[in-house]
C-alpha atoms as a PDB file:
ATOM      1  CA  LEU A   1      74.018 115.352 101.283  1.00  0.00           C
ATOM      2  CA  GLU A   2      71.484 113.113 103.023  1.00  0.00           C
ATOM      3  CA  PRO A   3      67.950 113.769 101.752  1.00  0.00           C
ATOM      4  CA  GLU A   4      65.474 110.914 102.614  1.00  0.00           C
ATOM      5  CA  VAL A   5      62.421 109.885 100.754  1.00  0.00           C
ATOM      6  CA  ASP A   6      59.881 108.239 103.154  1.00  0.00           C
ATOM      7  CA  ILE A   7      59.584 104.542 102.093  1.00  0.00           C
ATOM      8  CA  HIS A   8      55.903 104.477 103.165  1.00  0.00           C
ATOM      9  CA  ALA A   9      54.968 107.582 101.063  1.00  0.00           C
ATOM     10  CA  SER A  10      52.249 106.648  98.610  1.00  0.00           C
ATOM     11  CA  ASP A  11      54.133 108.762  95.901  1.00  0.00           C
ATOM     12  CA  LYS A  12      57.565 107.591  96.749  1.00  0.00           C
ATOM     13  CA  GLU A  13      58.587 107.006  93.075  1.00  0.00           C
ATOM     14  CA  ALA A  14      57.475 110.506  92.150  1.00  0.00           C
ATOM     15  CA  CYS A  15      59.306 112.172  95.107  1.00  0.00           C
ATOM     16  CA  GLU A  16      62.545 110.257  94.075  1.00  0.00           C
ATOM     17  CA  ARG A  17      62.183 111.774  90.548  1.00  0.00           C
ATOM     18  CA  LEU A  18      61.925 115.054  91.839  1.00  0.00           C
ATOM     19  CA  LEU A  19      64.826 114.735  94.138  1.00  0.00           C
ATOM     20  CA  LEU A  20      66.856 113.408  91.339  1.00  0.00           C
ATOM     21  CA  ASP A  21      65.990 116.447  89.136  1.00  0.00           C
ATOM     22  CA  SER A  22      66.803 118.756  92.080  1.00  0.00           C
ATOM     23  CA  LEU A  23      70.155 117.060  92.851  1.00  0.00           C
ATOM     24  CA  LEU A  24      71.139 117.237  89.215  1.00  0.00           C
ATOM     25  CA  GLU A  25      70.197 120.836  89.045  1.00  0.00           C
ATOM     26  CA  GLY A  26      72.417 121.463  92.163  1.00  0.00           C
ATOM     27  CA  LEU A  27      75.272 119.555  90.570  1.00  0.00           C
ATOM     28  CA  ARG A  28      75.214 121.707  87.557  1.00  0.00           C
ATOM     29  CA  ARG A  29      75.702 124.739  89.869  1.00  0.00           C
ATOM     30  CA  LEU A  30      78.970 123.410  91.443  1.00  0.00           C
ATOM     31  CA  GLY A  31      82.384 124.549  90.524  1.00  0.00           C
ATOM     32  CA  LEU A  32      84.840 122.017  88.735  1.00  0.00           C
ATOM     33  CA  ASP A  33      86.671 121.486  91.961  1.00  0.00           C
ATOM     34  CA  ASP A  34      83.641 120.835  94.217  1.00  0.00           C
ATOM     35  CA  ARG A  35      82.738 117.321  95.209  1.00  0.00           C
ATOM     36  CA  VAL A  36      79.781 115.791  96.980  1.00  0.00           C
ATOM     37  CA  ILE A  37      78.717 112.436  98.447  1.00  0.00           C
ATOM     38  CA  PHE A  38      75.000 111.602  98.428  1.00  0.00           C
ATOM     39  CA  LYS A  39      73.313 109.247 101.089  1.00  0.00           C
ATOM     40  CA  LEU A  40      69.986 108.441  99.473  1.00  0.00           C
ATOM     41  CA  THR A  41      67.083 106.119 100.287  1.00  0.00           C
ATOM     42  CA  LEU A  42      67.002 102.958  98.202  1.00  0.00           C
ATOM     43  CA  PRO A  43      65.189 104.026  94.960  1.00  0.00           C
ATOM     44  CA  THR A  44      61.812 102.216  93.849  1.00  0.00           C
ATOM     45  CA  GLN A  45      63.191 102.125  90.183  1.00  0.00           C
ATOM     46  CA  PRO A  46      66.555 100.505  90.114  1.00  0.00           C
ATOM     47  CA  ASN A  47      69.423 102.468  88.931  1.00  0.00           C
ATOM     48  CA  LEU A  48      67.516 105.722  89.090  1.00  0.00           C
ATOM     49  CA  TYR A  49      70.451 107.570  90.638  1.00  0.00           C
ATOM     50  CA  LEU A  50      72.923 106.489  87.898  1.00  0.00           C
ATOM     51  CA  PRO A  51      72.969 109.996  86.455  1.00  0.00           C
ATOM     52  CA  LEU A  52      74.320 111.402  89.834  1.00  0.00           C
ATOM     53  CA  MET A  53      77.053 108.673  89.743  1.00  0.00           C
ATOM     54  CA  GLY A  54      78.148 109.869  86.396  1.00  0.00           C
ATOM     55  CA  HIS A  55      78.529 113.413  87.232  1.00  0.00           C
ATOM     56  CA  PRO A  56      82.159 114.570  87.664  1.00  0.00           C
ATOM     57  CA  CYS A  57      81.451 116.382  90.940  1.00  0.00           C
ATOM     58  CA  THR A  58      79.914 113.220  92.564  1.00  0.00           C
ATOM     59  CA  LEU A  59      82.414 111.297  94.661  1.00  0.00           C
ATOM     60  CA  ARG A  60      79.958 108.466  95.831  1.00  0.00           C
ATOM     61  CA  VAL A  61      76.249 107.681  95.977  1.00  0.00           C
ATOM     62  CA  VAL A  62      75.618 105.681  99.264  1.00  0.00           C
ATOM     63  CA  ALA A  63      72.299 103.718  99.910  1.00  0.00           C
ATOM     64  CA  LEU A  64      70.361 104.377 103.130  1.00  0.00           C
ATOM     65  CA  SER A  65      68.005 101.473 104.070  1.00  0.00           C
ATOM     66  CA  GLY A  66      65.381 104.142 104.940  1.00  0.00           C
ATOM     67  CA  GLY A  67      63.501 101.608 107.146  1.00  0.00           C
ATOM     68  CA  TYR A  68      63.438  98.500 104.777  1.00  0.00           C
ATOM     69  CA  ALA A  69      64.415  95.309 106.530  1.00  0.00           C
ATOM     70  CA  ARG A  70      68.077  94.393 105.947  1.00  0.00           C
ATOM     71  CA  LYS A  71      67.176  91.412 103.561  1.00  0.00           C
ATOM     72  CA  GLU A  72      64.919  93.555 101.480  1.00  0.00           C
ATOM     73  CA  ALA A  73      67.486  96.586 101.572  1.00  0.00           C
ATOM     74  CA  CYS A  74      70.285  94.276 100.444  1.00  0.00           C
ATOM     75  CA  LYS A  75      68.075  92.847  97.609  1.00  0.00           C
ATOM     76  CA  MET A  76      67.143  96.422  96.433  1.00  0.00           C
ATOM     77  CA  LEU A  77      70.941  97.325  96.624  1.00  0.00           C
ATOM     78  CA  ALA A  78      72.042  94.510  94.551  1.00  0.00           C
ATOM     79  CA  SER A  79      69.790  96.133  91.851  1.00  0.00           C
ATOM     80  CA  ASN A  80      71.488  99.483  91.926  1.00  0.00           C
ATOM     81  CA  THR A  81      74.784  99.454  90.062  1.00  0.00           C
ATOM     82  CA  GLY A  82      77.547 101.399  91.872  1.00  0.00           C
ATOM     83  CA  MET A  83      75.695 102.237  95.050  1.00  0.00           C
ATOM     84  CA  ILE A  84      77.354 101.056  98.305  1.00  0.00           C
ATOM     85  CA  ALA A  85      75.467 100.339 101.637  1.00  0.00           C
ATOM     86  CA  SER A  86      75.426 102.643 104.428  1.00  0.00           C
ATOM     87  CA  PHE A  87      73.234 100.406 106.637  1.00  0.00           C
END
């Protein structure tokens, strides 16, 4: 799944929390043998997506730069345990 949050949104952090809640709800509906990879815009709050990574149906959480400059994206990525870059 590759839902993106606009990095210029004035309510980006609130959007990310809503997205997280929705993704967790979706994970709860999956079967035990279902697997998913998430490609998500780097979050404003470091480690916001850790709950996704801990779910048994999640294979990987991949970071999208979302339009951040590479240097800033790498700095943000370093603050997010377990995420890998897709940029």
